[in-house]
């Protein structure tokens, strides 16, 4: 680590990759393999994921992309990542996002029904075809959303960028197999859980997955050297590495959250995985920014700040303790 730099709690992809992945990339570097994801490493990773979800028929691709027909729209909450954090990428590809307010950031079946009705009220409106949700940790919630999607003939997509953290959360009651059975498409995030880059897209819906490689090719998402992502996922799913790394990130966040609460600070949202949202006064934020990097999530009406602290597979617990020590010392002086 560069000791001259601030320690980052800004995100969970500040580090490069887990040493096991770097070793695997170096070890297999000169081995000749087929291109476009047909290499043995990608196939090994596919088989590992299929075994975990118990579905030999699952279609799995190692690159991020979404496919809808041009007139079809996506239903999401107003707080959904694709709504405000992706530079308008969905709309830029020609797809309207139909938003609902959400409850604690989640869509309810009633909201999906409402959005679907609005999109069907008049001719030539963007037609709702997909529901977008992020990591779910309650099987009852996801089952209810899946049921309404099935009834309305909507595709259900789960953004699994932090799926490792969600599945290893102490609040989680789901398995990877549950997610496969309840969704049409989801992805397993590698970028935020130890890989250099890449997501594993898992598709159950047969008509959706049949021509997916053509869509990837048209959108510039089909990598000639697909092996570079395949070997990373093959490594992540050996010896429980994927889940061990996620458990570490959650554990670091839990320690950080519990210590701050013990010091009298209020959480803006319950800590359930590797993200801690805590309310700090601006003067404390200024003090902490001398040694740490993190994201100011929201400005509250009373002048307080909601700070987001993200831990990762590589977060050093000594840095967690150091962060808390700075908070404690500031508290004593104030």
C-alpha atoms as a PDB file:
ATOM      1  CA  UNK A   1       0.000   0.000   0.000  1.00  0.00           C
ATOM      2  CA  UNK A   2       1.140   3.558  -0.768  1.00  0.00           C
ATOM      3  CA  UNK A   3       1.575   4.947   2.747  1.00  0.00           C
ATOM      4  CA  UNK A   4       1.524   8.503   1.408  1.00  0.00           C
ATOM      5  CA  UNK A   5      -2.022   8.197   0.110  1.00  0.00           C
ATOM      6  CA  UNK A   6      -5.310   8.427   1.950  1.00  0.00           C
ATOM      7  CA  UNK A   7      -6.843   5.080   2.818  1.00  0.00           C
ATOM      8  CA  UNK A   8      -9.999   4.567   0.799  1.00  0.00           C
ATOM      9  CA  UNK A   9     -13.428   3.604   2.044  1.00  0.00           C
ATOM     10  CA  UNK A  10     -14.843   5.145  -1.126  1.00  0.00           C
ATOM     11  CA  UNK A  11     -15.709   1.926  -2.961  1.00  0.00           C
ATOM     12  CA  UNK A  12     -14.947  -1.792  -3.188  1.00  0.00           C
ATOM     13  CA  UNK A  13     -12.939  -1.721  -6.392  1.00  0.00           C
ATOM     14  CA  UNK A  14     -10.030   0.541  -5.450  1.00  0.00           C
ATOM     15  CA  UNK A  15      -7.631  -2.410  -5.252  1.00  0.00           C
ATOM     16  CA  UNK A  16      -6.494  -4.429  -8.259  1.00  0.00           C
ATOM     17  CA  UNK A  17      -7.283  -8.108  -7.762  1.00  0.00           C
ATOM     18  CA  UNK A  18      -6.819 -10.898  -5.252  1.00  0.00           C
ATOM     19  CA  UNK A  19      -3.315 -12.436  -5.491  1.00  0.00           C
ATOM     20  CA  UNK A  20      -4.796 -15.818  -6.485  1.00  0.00           C
ATOM     21  CA  UNK A  21      -6.269 -14.217  -9.600  1.00  0.00           C
ATOM     22  CA  UNK A  22      -3.031 -12.456 -10.501  1.00  0.00           C
ATOM     23  CA  UNK A  23      -1.220 -15.787 -10.066  1.00  0.00           C
ATOM     24  CA  UNK A  24      -3.744 -17.603 -12.270  1.00  0.00           C
ATOM     25  CA  UNK A  25      -3.485 -14.975 -15.011  1.00  0.00           C
ATOM     26  CA  UNK A  26       0.313 -15.207 -14.957  1.00  0.00           C
ATOM     27  CA  UNK A  27       0.353 -19.023 -14.821  1.00  0.00           C
ATOM     28  CA  UNK A  28      -1.972 -19.402 -17.820  1.00  0.00           C
ATOM     29  CA  UNK A  29      -0.637 -16.434 -19.759  1.00  0.00           C
ATOM     30  CA  UNK A  30       1.115 -18.362 -22.545  1.00  0.00           C
ATOM     31  CA  UNK A  31      -1.414 -21.187 -22.830  1.00  0.00           C
ATOM     32  CA  UNK A  32      -3.156 -20.931 -26.204  1.00  0.00           C
ATOM     33  CA  UNK A  33      -6.952 -20.846 -25.968  1.00  0.00           C
ATOM     34  CA  UNK A  34      -9.954 -20.313 -28.229  1.00  0.00           C
ATOM     35  CA  UNK A  35     -11.453 -16.824 -28.342  1.00  0.00           C
ATOM     36  CA  UNK A  36     -14.782 -15.175 -27.550  1.00  0.00           C
ATOM     37  CA  UNK A  37     -15.458 -17.063 -24.343  1.00  0.00           C
ATOM     38  CA  UNK A  38     -15.078 -20.579 -25.739  1.00  0.00           C
ATOM     39  CA  UNK A  39     -11.831 -21.201 -23.831  1.00  0.00           C
ATOM     40  CA  UNK A  40     -11.451 -23.909 -21.192  1.00  0.00           C
ATOM     41  CA  UNK A  41     -11.210 -21.417 -18.326  1.00  0.00           C
ATOM     42  CA  UNK A  42     -14.556 -19.831 -19.176  1.00  0.00           C
ATOM     43  CA  UNK A  43     -16.118 -23.275 -19.502  1.00  0.00           C
ATOM     44  CA  UNK A  44     -14.669 -24.315 -16.150  1.00  0.00           C
ATOM     45  CA  UNK A  45     -16.165 -21.187 -14.568  1.00  0.00           C
ATOM     46  CA  UNK A  46     -19.531 -21.859 -16.231  1.00  0.00           C
ATOM     47  CA  UNK A  47     -19.590 -25.372 -14.844  1.00  0.00           C
ATOM     48  CA  UNK A  48     -18.738 -24.124 -11.341  1.00  0.00           C
ATOM     49  CA  UNK A  49     -21.615 -21.620 -11.447  1.00  0.00           C
ATOM     50  CA  UNK A  50     -24.015 -24.196 -12.911  1.00  0.00           C
ATOM     51  CA  UNK A  51     -23.152 -26.551 -10.071  1.00  0.00           C
ATOM     52  CA  UNK A  52     -23.854 -23.841  -7.491  1.00  0.00           C
ATOM     53  CA  UNK A  53     -27.256 -22.990  -8.954  1.00  0.00           C
ATOM     54  CA  UNK A  54     -28.108 -26.589  -9.829  1.00  0.00           C
ATOM     55  CA  UNK A  55     -28.960 -25.817 -13.458  1.00  0.00           C
ATOM     56  CA  UNK A  56     -27.007 -27.394 -16.302  1.00  0.00           C
ATOM     57  CA  UNK A  57     -29.110 -25.478 -18.828  1.00  0.00           C
ATOM     58  CA  UNK A  58     -28.146 -22.000 -17.542  1.00  0.00           C
ATOM     59  CA  UNK A  59     -26.622 -19.726 -20.179  1.00  0.00           C
ATOM     60  CA  UNK A  60     -23.616 -17.851 -18.772  1.00  0.00           C
ATOM     61  CA  UNK A  61     -21.579 -15.081 -20.373  1.00  0.00           C
ATOM     62  CA  UNK A  62     -18.601 -13.228 -18.926  1.00  0.00           C
ATOM     63  CA  UNK A  63     -19.256  -9.630 -19.861  1.00  0.00           C
ATOM     64  CA  UNK A  64     -21.901  -7.023 -18.958  1.00  0.00           C
ATOM     65  CA  UNK A  65     -24.709  -6.196 -21.413  1.00  0.00           C
ATOM     66  CA  UNK A  66     -28.511  -5.847 -21.508  1.00  0.00           C
ATOM     67  CA  UNK A  67     -30.817  -6.677 -24.378  1.00  0.00           C
ATOM     68  CA  UNK A  68     -34.338  -5.451 -25.111  1.00  0.00           C
ATOM     69  CA  UNK A  69     -36.137  -4.502 -28.291  1.00  0.00           C
ATOM     70  CA  UNK A  70     -35.920  -0.758 -29.020  1.00  0.00           C
ATOM     71  CA  UNK A  71     -39.478   0.136 -27.939  1.00  0.00           C
ATOM     72  CA  UNK A  72     -39.342  -1.783 -24.663  1.00  0.00           C
ATOM     73  CA  UNK A  73     -38.865  -0.121 -21.275  1.00  0.00           C
ATOM     74  CA  UNK A  74     -37.491  -1.004 -17.836  1.00  0.00           C
ATOM     75  CA  UNK A  75     -39.257  -0.558 -14.487  1.00  0.00           C
ATOM     76  CA  UNK A  76     -37.020   0.539 -11.607  1.00  0.00           C
ATOM     77  CA  UNK A  77     -37.146   2.504  -8.355  1.00  0.00           C
ATOM     78  CA  UNK A  78     -36.221   6.168  -8.361  1.00  0.00           C
ATOM     79  CA  UNK A  79     -33.182   5.201  -6.273  1.00  0.00           C
ATOM     80  CA  UNK A  80     -32.157   2.485  -8.736  1.00  0.00           C
ATOM     81  CA  UNK A  81     -28.536   2.567  -9.818  1.00  0.00           C
ATOM     82  CA  UNK A  82     -29.456   2.708 -13.511  1.00  0.00           C
ATOM     83  CA  UNK A  83     -31.666   5.753 -12.897  1.00  0.00           C
ATOM     84  CA  UNK A  84     -29.173   8.234 -11.480  1.00  0.00           C
ATOM     85  CA  UNK A  85     -25.700   6.700 -11.438  1.00  0.00           C
ATOM     86  CA  UNK A  86     -24.996   5.493 -14.992  1.00  0.00           C
ATOM     87  CA  UNK A  87     -24.914   8.699 -17.020  1.00  0.00           C
ATOM     88  CA  UNK A  88     -28.219   7.934 -18.711  1.00  0.00           C
ATOM     89  CA  UNK A  89     -26.770   4.782 -20.265  1.00  0.00           C
ATOM     90  CA  UNK A  90     -30.101   2.934 -20.487  1.00  0.00           C
ATOM     91  CA  UNK A  91     -31.855   5.834 -22.182  1.00  0.00           C
ATOM     92  CA  UNK A  92     -28.829   6.329 -24.438  1.00  0.00           C
ATOM     93  CA  UNK A  93     -29.420   2.842 -25.839  1.00  0.00           C
ATOM     94  CA  UNK A  94     -33.028   3.777 -26.567  1.00  0.00           C
ATOM     95  CA  UNK A  95     -34.853   2.320 -23.556  1.00  0.00           C
ATOM     96  CA  UNK A  96     -37.157   4.341 -21.325  1.00  0.00           C
ATOM     97  CA  UNK A  97     -36.927   3.795 -17.562  1.00  0.00           C
ATOM     98  CA  UNK A  98     -40.317   3.864 -15.838  1.00  0.00           C
ATOM     99  CA  UNK A  99     -39.681   4.816 -12.218  1.00  0.00           C
ATOM    100  CA  UNK A 100     -41.544   4.141  -8.984  1.00  0.00           C
ATOM    101  CA  UNK A 101     -40.761   5.678  -5.594  1.00  0.00           C
ATOM    102  CA  UNK A 102     -39.869   2.394  -3.860  1.00  0.00           C
ATOM    103  CA  UNK A 103     -40.036   1.404  -0.189  1.00  0.00           C
ATOM    104  CA  UNK A 104     -36.609   1.412   1.470  1.00  0.00           C
ATOM    105  CA  UNK A 105     -35.197   1.442  -2.044  1.00  0.00           C
ATOM    106  CA  UNK A 106     -37.173  -1.635  -3.128  1.00  0.00           C
ATOM    107  CA  UNK A 107     -39.974  -2.177  -5.618  1.00  0.00           C
ATOM    108  CA  UNK A 108     -43.187  -3.747  -4.380  1.00  0.00           C
ATOM    109  CA  UNK A 109     -45.542  -5.866  -6.513  1.00  0.00           C
ATOM    110  CA  UNK A 110     -48.109  -3.046  -6.336  1.00  0.00           C
ATOM    111  CA  UNK A 111     -45.591  -0.553  -7.722  1.00  0.00           C
ATOM    112  CA  UNK A 112     -44.687  -2.887 -10.571  1.00  0.00           C
ATOM    113  CA  UNK A 113     -48.382  -3.302 -11.368  1.00  0.00           C
ATOM    114  CA  UNK A 114     -48.855   0.483 -11.340  1.00  0.00           C
ATOM    115  CA  UNK A 115     -45.888   1.112 -13.662  1.00  0.00           C
ATOM    116  CA  UNK A 116     -47.064  -1.632 -16.008  1.00  0.00           C
ATOM    117  CA  UNK A 117     -50.561  -0.120 -16.216  1.00  0.00           C
ATOM    118  CA  UNK A 118     -49.156   3.331 -16.981  1.00  0.00           C
ATOM    119  CA  UNK A 119     -47.035   1.932 -19.775  1.00  0.00           C
ATOM    120  CA  UNK A 120     -50.074   0.182 -21.280  1.00  0.00           C
ATOM    121  CA  UNK A 121     -52.564   3.061 -20.998  1.00  0.00           C
ATOM    122  CA  UNK A 122     -52.126   4.448 -24.511  1.00  0.00           C
ATOM    123  CA  UNK A 123     -50.841   3.270 -27.860  1.00  0.00           C
ATOM    124  CA  UNK A 124     -47.192   3.822 -28.700  1.00  0.00           C
ATOM    125  CA  UNK A 125     -46.033   4.447 -25.149  1.00  0.00           C
ATOM    126  CA  UNK A 126     -42.739   2.744 -24.257  1.00  0.00           C
ATOM    127  CA  UNK A 127     -43.806  -0.796 -23.392  1.00  0.00           C
ATOM    128  CA  UNK A 128     -42.650  -2.152 -20.035  1.00  0.00           C
ATOM    129  CA  UNK A 129     -40.817  -5.437 -20.535  1.00  0.00           C
ATOM    130  CA  UNK A 130     -38.239  -5.723 -17.753  1.00  0.00           C
ATOM    131  CA  UNK A 131     -38.058  -5.074 -14.012  1.00  0.00           C
ATOM    132  CA  UNK A 132     -34.665  -4.045 -12.629  1.00  0.00           C
ATOM    133  CA  UNK A 133     -33.763  -4.730  -9.000  1.00  0.00           C
ATOM    134  CA  UNK A 134     -30.489  -4.828  -7.110  1.00  0.00           C
ATOM    135  CA  UNK A 135     -29.165  -7.383  -4.613  1.00  0.00           C
ATOM    136  CA  UNK A 136     -32.113  -8.829  -2.735  1.00  0.00           C
ATOM    137  CA  UNK A 137     -31.690 -10.210   0.783  1.00  0.00           C
ATOM    138  CA  UNK A 138     -35.237 -11.308   1.526  1.00  0.00           C
ATOM    139  CA  UNK A 139     -36.557 -14.339  -0.300  1.00  0.00           C
ATOM    140  CA  UNK A 140     -40.167 -13.332   0.446  1.00  0.00           C
ATOM    141  CA  UNK A 141     -39.679  -9.954  -1.195  1.00  0.00           C
ATOM    142  CA  UNK A 142     -38.014 -11.399  -4.279  1.00  0.00           C
ATOM    143  CA  UNK A 143     -40.575 -14.200  -4.580  1.00  0.00           C
ATOM    144  CA  UNK A 144     -43.431 -11.678  -4.573  1.00  0.00           C
ATOM    145  CA  UNK A 145     -41.688  -9.534  -7.212  1.00  0.00           C
ATOM    146  CA  UNK A 146     -40.995 -12.633  -9.323  1.00  0.00           C
ATOM    147  CA  UNK A 147     -44.645 -13.681  -9.133  1.00  0.00           C
ATOM    148  CA  UNK A 148     -45.988 -10.346 -10.393  1.00  0.00           C
ATOM    149  CA  UNK A 149     -43.378 -10.297 -13.169  1.00  0.00           C
ATOM    150  CA  UNK A 150     -44.455 -13.749 -14.301  1.00  0.00           C
ATOM    151  CA  UNK A 151     -48.126 -12.768 -14.254  1.00  0.00           C
ATOM    152  CA  UNK A 152     -47.470  -9.634 -16.321  1.00  0.00           C
ATOM    153  CA  UNK A 153     -44.977 -11.356 -18.662  1.00  0.00           C
ATOM    154  CA  UNK A 154     -42.135  -9.099 -17.534  1.00  0.00           C
ATOM    155  CA  UNK A 155     -38.497 -10.150 -17.446  1.00  0.00           C
ATOM    156  CA  UNK A 156     -36.910  -9.879 -13.992  1.00  0.00           C
ATOM    157  CA  UNK A 157     -33.276  -8.761 -13.885  1.00  0.00           C
ATOM    158  CA  UNK A 158     -31.233  -8.676 -10.690  1.00  0.00           C
ATOM    159  CA  UNK A 159     -28.119  -6.498 -10.680  1.00  0.00           C
ATOM    160  CA  UNK A 160     -25.593  -8.615  -8.795  1.00  0.00           C
ATOM    161  CA  UNK A 161     -22.629  -6.254  -8.836  1.00  0.00           C
ATOM    162  CA  UNK A 162     -22.364  -6.856  -5.076  1.00  0.00           C
ATOM    163  CA  UNK A 163     -24.019 -10.262  -5.058  1.00  0.00           C
ATOM    164  CA  UNK A 164     -21.205 -11.802  -3.007  1.00  0.00           C
ATOM    165  CA  UNK A 165     -21.784  -9.291  -0.208  1.00  0.00           C
ATOM    166  CA  UNK A 166     -25.560  -9.851  -0.385  1.00  0.00           C
ATOM    167  CA  UNK A 167     -25.352 -13.647  -0.258  1.00  0.00           C
ATOM    168  CA  UNK A 168     -22.958 -13.640   2.694  1.00  0.00           C
ATOM    169  CA  UNK A 169     -24.900 -11.021   4.652  1.00  0.00           C
ATOM    170  CA  UNK A 170     -26.138 -12.084   8.078  1.00  0.00           C
ATOM    171  CA  UNK A 171     -29.557 -10.793   6.968  1.00  0.00           C
ATOM    172  CA  UNK A 172     -29.694 -12.993   3.882  1.00  0.00           C
ATOM    173  CA  UNK A 173     -31.896 -16.072   3.579  1.00  0.00           C
ATOM    174  CA  UNK A 174     -31.216 -16.817  -0.089  1.00  0.00           C
ATOM    175  CA  UNK A 175     -28.868 -18.990  -2.104  1.00  0.00           C
ATOM    176  CA  UNK A 176     -27.508 -18.559  -5.606  1.00  0.00           C
ATOM    177  CA  UNK A 177     -29.939 -21.275  -6.678  1.00  0.00           C
ATOM    178  CA  UNK A 178     -32.864 -19.284  -5.242  1.00  0.00           C
ATOM    179  CA  UNK A 179     -31.854 -16.250  -7.273  1.00  0.00           C
ATOM    180  CA  UNK A 180     -31.578 -18.306 -10.457  1.00  0.00           C
ATOM    181  CA  UNK A 181     -34.983 -19.871  -9.912  1.00  0.00           C
ATOM    182  CA  UNK A 182     -36.728 -16.554  -9.213  1.00  0.00           C
ATOM    183  CA  UNK A 183     -35.163 -14.323 -11.881  1.00  0.00           C
ATOM    184  CA  UNK A 184     -34.774 -14.407 -15.655  1.00  0.00           C
ATOM    185  CA  UNK A 185     -31.361 -12.745 -15.727  1.00  0.00           C
ATOM    186  CA  UNK A 186     -28.848 -11.843 -13.054  1.00  0.00           C
ATOM    187  CA  UNK A 187     -25.152 -11.287 -12.877  1.00  0.00           C
ATOM    188  CA  UNK A 188     -22.449 -12.239 -10.449  1.00  0.00           C
ATOM    189  CA  UNK A 189     -20.159  -9.293  -9.836  1.00  0.00           C
ATOM    190  CA  UNK A 190     -16.452  -9.960  -9.955  1.00  0.00           C
ATOM    191  CA  UNK A 191     -15.195  -6.370 -10.199  1.00  0.00           C
ATOM    192  CA  UNK A 192     -16.310  -5.555  -6.629  1.00  0.00           C
ATOM    193  CA  UNK A 193     -15.272  -8.879  -5.137  1.00  0.00           C
ATOM    194  CA  UNK A 194     -11.660  -9.602  -5.957  1.00  0.00           C
ATOM    195  CA  UNK A 195     -11.517  -9.736  -9.756  1.00  0.00           C
ATOM    196  CA  UNK A 196      -9.671  -7.252 -11.932  1.00  0.00           C
ATOM    197  CA  UNK A 197     -12.773  -6.803 -14.065  1.00  0.00           C
ATOM    198  CA  UNK A 198     -15.833  -8.659 -15.212  1.00  0.00           C
ATOM    199  CA  UNK A 199     -19.293  -9.928 -14.406  1.00  0.00           C
ATOM    200  CA  UNK A 200     -20.811 -13.350 -15.049  1.00  0.00           C
ATOM    201  CA  UNK A 201     -24.245 -12.902 -16.625  1.00  0.00           C
ATOM    202  CA  UNK A 202     -26.548 -15.827 -15.873  1.00  0.00           C
ATOM    203  CA  UNK A 203     -29.622 -16.201 -18.085  1.00  0.00           C
ATOM    204  CA  UNK A 204     -32.518 -18.561 -17.473  1.00  0.00           C
ATOM    205  CA  UNK A 205     -35.096 -17.197 -19.905  1.00  0.00           C
ATOM    206  CA  UNK A 206     -34.521 -19.254 -23.088  1.00  0.00           C
ATOM    207  CA  UNK A 207     -35.691 -16.719 -25.692  1.00  0.00           C
ATOM    208  CA  UNK A 208     -33.721 -13.978 -24.004  1.00  0.00           C
ATOM    209  CA  UNK A 209     -30.513 -15.985 -23.883  1.00  0.00           C
ATOM    210  CA  UNK A 210     -30.648 -17.672 -27.296  1.00  0.00           C
ATOM    211  CA  UNK A 211     -29.306 -14.714 -29.284  1.00  0.00           C
ATOM    212  CA  UNK A 212     -27.490 -12.925 -26.496  1.00  0.00           C
ATOM    213  CA  UNK A 213     -23.999 -13.398 -28.015  1.00  0.00           C
ATOM    214  CA  UNK A 214     -25.148 -11.541 -31.158  1.00  0.00           C
ATOM    215  CA  UNK A 215     -26.260  -8.617 -29.041  1.00  0.00           C
ATOM    216  CA  UNK A 216     -22.943  -8.663 -27.181  1.00  0.00           C
ATOM    217  CA  UNK A 217     -21.081  -8.579 -30.478  1.00  0.00           C
ATOM    218  CA  UNK A 218     -23.119  -5.653 -31.811  1.00  0.00           C
ATOM    219  CA  UNK A 219     -22.565  -3.658 -28.610  1.00  0.00           C
ATOM    220  CA  UNK A 220     -18.824  -4.281 -28.490  1.00  0.00           C
ATOM    221  CA  UNK A 221     -19.123  -6.474 -25.398  1.00  0.00           C
ATOM    222  CA  UNK A 222     -17.927  -9.806 -26.831  1.00  0.00           C
ATOM    223  CA  UNK A 223     -14.249 -10.029 -25.943  1.00  0.00           C
ATOM    224  CA  UNK A 224     -11.855 -11.846 -28.260  1.00  0.00           C
ATOM    225  CA  UNK A 225      -9.768 -12.640 -25.176  1.00  0.00           C
ATOM    226  CA  UNK A 226     -12.706 -13.800 -23.096  1.00  0.00           C
ATOM    227  CA  UNK A 227     -10.248 -16.087 -21.346  1.00  0.00           C
ATOM    228  CA  UNK A 228      -9.046 -13.081 -19.338  1.00  0.00           C
ATOM    229  CA  UNK A 229     -12.391 -12.951 -17.528  1.00  0.00           C
ATOM    230  CA  UNK A 230     -13.011 -16.690 -17.616  1.00  0.00           C
ATOM    231  CA  UNK A 231      -9.846 -17.519 -15.665  1.00  0.00           C
ATOM    232  CA  UNK A 232     -10.779 -14.969 -13.014  1.00  0.00           C
ATOM    233  CA  UNK A 233     -14.181 -16.522 -12.370  1.00  0.00           C
ATOM    234  CA  UNK A 234     -12.730 -20.001 -12.528  1.00  0.00           C
ATOM    235  CA  UNK A 235     -10.353 -18.940  -9.751  1.00  0.00           C
ATOM    236  CA  UNK A 236     -13.032 -17.139  -7.713  1.00  0.00           C
ATOM    237  CA  UNK A 237     -15.175 -20.264  -7.581  1.00  0.00           C
ATOM    238  CA  UNK A 238     -12.409 -22.540  -6.366  1.00  0.00           C
ATOM    239  CA  UNK A 239     -11.975 -23.201  -2.633  1.00  0.00           C
ATOM    240  CA  UNK A 240     -14.922 -20.929  -1.766  1.00  0.00           C
ATOM    241  CA  UNK A 241     -12.774 -17.864  -2.593  1.00  0.00           C
ATOM    242  CA  UNK A 242     -15.655 -15.760  -3.929  1.00  0.00           C
ATOM    243  CA  UNK A 243     -17.655 -16.155  -0.732  1.00  0.00           C
ATOM    244  CA  UNK A 244     -14.654 -15.884   1.598  1.00  0.00           C
ATOM    245  CA  UNK A 245     -13.731 -12.522   0.109  1.00  0.00           C
ATOM    246  CA  UNK A 246     -17.315 -11.283   0.437  1.00  0.00           C
ATOM    247  CA  UNK A 247     -17.530 -12.425   4.046  1.00  0.00           C
ATOM    248  CA  UNK A 248     -14.386 -10.443   4.850  1.00  0.00           C
ATOM    249  CA  UNK A 249     -15.824  -7.248   3.346  1.00  0.00           C
ATOM    250  CA  UNK A 250     -19.052  -7.702   5.322  1.00  0.00           C
ATOM    251  CA  UNK A 251     -17.171  -8.431   8.536  1.00  0.00           C
ATOM    252  CA  UNK A 252     -15.068  -5.275   8.185  1.00  0.00           C
ATOM    253  CA  UNK A 253     -18.211  -3.192   7.591  1.00  0.00           C
ATOM    254  CA  UNK A 254     -19.961  -4.761  10.596  1.00  0.00           C
ATOM    255  CA  UNK A 255     -17.042  -3.872  12.868  1.00  0.00           C
ATOM    256  CA  UNK A 256     -16.924  -0.324  11.528  1.00  0.00           C
ATOM    257  CA  UNK A 257     -20.680   0.131  11.898  1.00  0.00           C
ATOM    258  CA  UNK A 258     -20.920  -1.332  15.407  1.00  0.00           C
ATOM    259  CA  UNK A 259     -18.043   0.790  16.699  1.00  0.00           C
ATOM    260  CA  UNK A 260     -19.542   4.016  15.339  1.00  0.00           C
ATOM    261  CA  UNK A 261     -22.930   3.193  16.863  1.00  0.00           C
ATOM    262  CA  UNK A 262     -21.257   2.443  20.208  1.00  0.00           C
ATOM    263  CA  UNK A 263     -19.718   5.932  20.056  1.00  0.00           C
ATOM    264  CA  UNK A 264     -23.194   7.434  19.740  1.00  0.00           C
ATOM    265  CA  UNK A 265     -23.462   8.065  16.005  1.00  0.00           C
ATOM    266  CA  UNK A 266     -26.668   7.349  14.091  1.00  0.00           C
ATOM    267  CA  UNK A 267     -26.870   5.086  11.065  1.00  0.00           C
ATOM    268  CA  UNK A 268     -28.808   6.505   8.122  1.00  0.00           C
ATOM    269  CA  UNK A 269     -29.541   2.938   6.994  1.00  0.00           C
ATOM    270  CA  UNK A 270     -29.039  -0.399   8.669  1.00  0.00           C
ATOM    271  CA  UNK A 271     -25.710  -2.035   7.849  1.00  0.00           C
ATOM    272  CA  UNK A 272     -26.539  -5.320   6.132  1.00  0.00           C
ATOM    273  CA  UNK A 273     -23.519  -5.906   3.920  1.00  0.00           C
ATOM    274  CA  UNK A 274     -20.319  -4.031   3.066  1.00  0.00           C
ATOM    275  CA  UNK A 275     -21.706  -0.483   2.985  1.00  0.00           C
ATOM    276  CA  UNK A 276     -22.049   1.696   6.081  1.00  0.00           C
ATOM    277  CA  UNK A 277     -24.219   4.809   5.914  1.00  0.00           C
ATOM    278  CA  UNK A 278     -23.648   6.990   8.962  1.00  0.00           C
ATOM    279  CA  UNK A 279     -24.575  10.577   9.880  1.00  0.00           C
ATOM    280  CA  UNK A 280     -21.615  12.828  10.750  1.00  0.00           C
ATOM    281  CA  UNK A 281     -21.281  16.557  11.477  1.00  0.00           C
ATOM    282  CA  UNK A 282     -19.352  18.457   8.758  1.00  0.00           C
ATOM    283  CA  UNK A 283     -16.415  19.227  11.075  1.00  0.00           C
ATOM    284  CA  UNK A 284     -15.826  15.517  11.686  1.00  0.00           C
ATOM    285  CA  UNK A 285     -16.037  14.816   7.968  1.00  0.00           C
ATOM    286  CA  UNK A 286     -13.413  17.488   7.363  1.00  0.00           C
ATOM    287  CA  UNK A 287     -11.147  15.900   9.984  1.00  0.00           C
ATOM    288  CA  UNK A 288     -11.564  12.406   8.561  1.00  0.00           C
ATOM    289  CA  UNK A 289     -10.879  13.557   5.011  1.00  0.00           C
ATOM    290  CA  UNK A 290      -7.304  14.353   6.016  1.00  0.00           C
ATOM    291  CA  UNK A 291      -6.490  10.643   6.142  1.00  0.00           C
ATOM    292  CA  UNK A 292      -9.380   8.818   4.479  1.00  0.00           C
ATOM    293  CA  UNK A 293     -11.288   8.908   1.232  1.00  0.00           C
ATOM    294  CA  UNK A 294     -15.041   8.283   1.288  1.00  0.00           C
ATOM    295  CA  UNK A 295     -18.237   9.461  -0.358  1.00  0.00           C
ATOM    296  CA  UNK A 296     -20.657  12.077   0.971  1.00  0.00           C
ATOM    297  CA  UNK A 297     -23.974  10.475   0.109  1.00  0.00           C
ATOM    298  CA  UNK A 298     -26.426  13.158   1.149  1.00  0.00           C
ATOM    299  CA  UNK A 299     -26.703  16.592   2.767  1.00  0.00           C
ATOM    300  CA  UNK A 300     -29.398  16.662   5.460  1.00  0.00           C
ATOM    301  CA  UNK A 301     -31.575  19.663   6.302  1.00  0.00           C
ATOM    302  CA  UNK A 302     -29.899  20.204   9.678  1.00  0.00           C
ATOM    303  CA  UNK A 303     -26.481  20.501   8.041  1.00  0.00           C
ATOM    304  CA  UNK A 304     -25.368  16.988   8.919  1.00  0.00           C
ATOM    305  CA  UNK A 305     -23.870  14.747   6.265  1.00  0.00           C
ATOM    306  CA  UNK A 306     -24.670  11.164   5.354  1.00  0.00           C
ATOM    307  CA  UNK A 307     -21.357   9.459   4.701  1.00  0.00           C
ATOM    308  CA  UNK A 308     -21.016   6.175   2.828  1.00  0.00           C
ATOM    309  CA  UNK A 309     -18.145   3.946   3.923  1.00  0.00           C
ATOM    310  CA  UNK A 310     -17.500   0.908   1.742  1.00  0.00           C
ATOM    311  CA  UNK A 311     -15.290  -1.996   2.764  1.00  0.00           C
ATOM    312  CA  UNK A 312     -13.829  -4.525   0.356  1.00  0.00           C
ATOM    313  CA  UNK A 313     -12.295  -7.973   0.131  1.00  0.00           C
ATOM    314  CA  UNK A 314      -8.934  -6.279   0.810  1.00  0.00           C
ATOM    315  CA  UNK A 315      -9.903  -3.851   3.587  1.00  0.00           C
ATOM    316  CA  UNK A 316      -7.302  -3.860   6.336  1.00  0.00           C
ATOM    317  CA  UNK A 317      -8.851  -4.122   9.791  1.00  0.00           C
ATOM    318  CA  UNK A 318      -6.057  -1.941  11.160  1.00  0.00           C
ATOM    319  CA  UNK A 319      -7.400   0.851   8.950  1.00  0.00           C
ATOM    320  CA  UNK A 320     -10.919   0.287  10.258  1.00  0.00           C
ATOM    321  CA  UNK A 321      -9.576   0.701  13.787  1.00  0.00           C
ATOM    322  CA  UNK A 322      -7.577   3.772  12.768  1.00  0.00           C
ATOM    323  CA  UNK A 323     -10.690   5.376  11.260  1.00  0.00           C
ATOM    324  CA  UNK A 324     -12.658   4.738  14.436  1.00  0.00           C
ATOM    325  CA  UNK A 325      -9.786   6.076  16.556  1.00  0.00           C
ATOM    326  CA  UNK A 326      -9.838   9.374  14.639  1.00  0.00           C
ATOM    327  CA  UNK A 327     -13.596   9.600  15.219  1.00  0.00           C
ATOM    328  CA  UNK A 328     -13.156   8.847  18.914  1.00  0.00           C
ATOM    329  CA  UNK A 329     -10.422  11.470  19.366  1.00  0.00           C
ATOM    330  CA  UNK A 330     -12.510  14.100  17.545  1.00  0.00           C
ATOM    331  CA  UNK A 331     -15.496  13.239  19.774  1.00  0.00           C
ATOM    332  CA  UNK A 332     -13.429  13.774  22.940  1.00  0.00           C
ATOM    333  CA  UNK A 333     -12.287  17.187  21.719  1.00  0.00           C
ATOM    334  CA  UNK A 334     -15.770  18.341  20.711  1.00  0.00           C
END
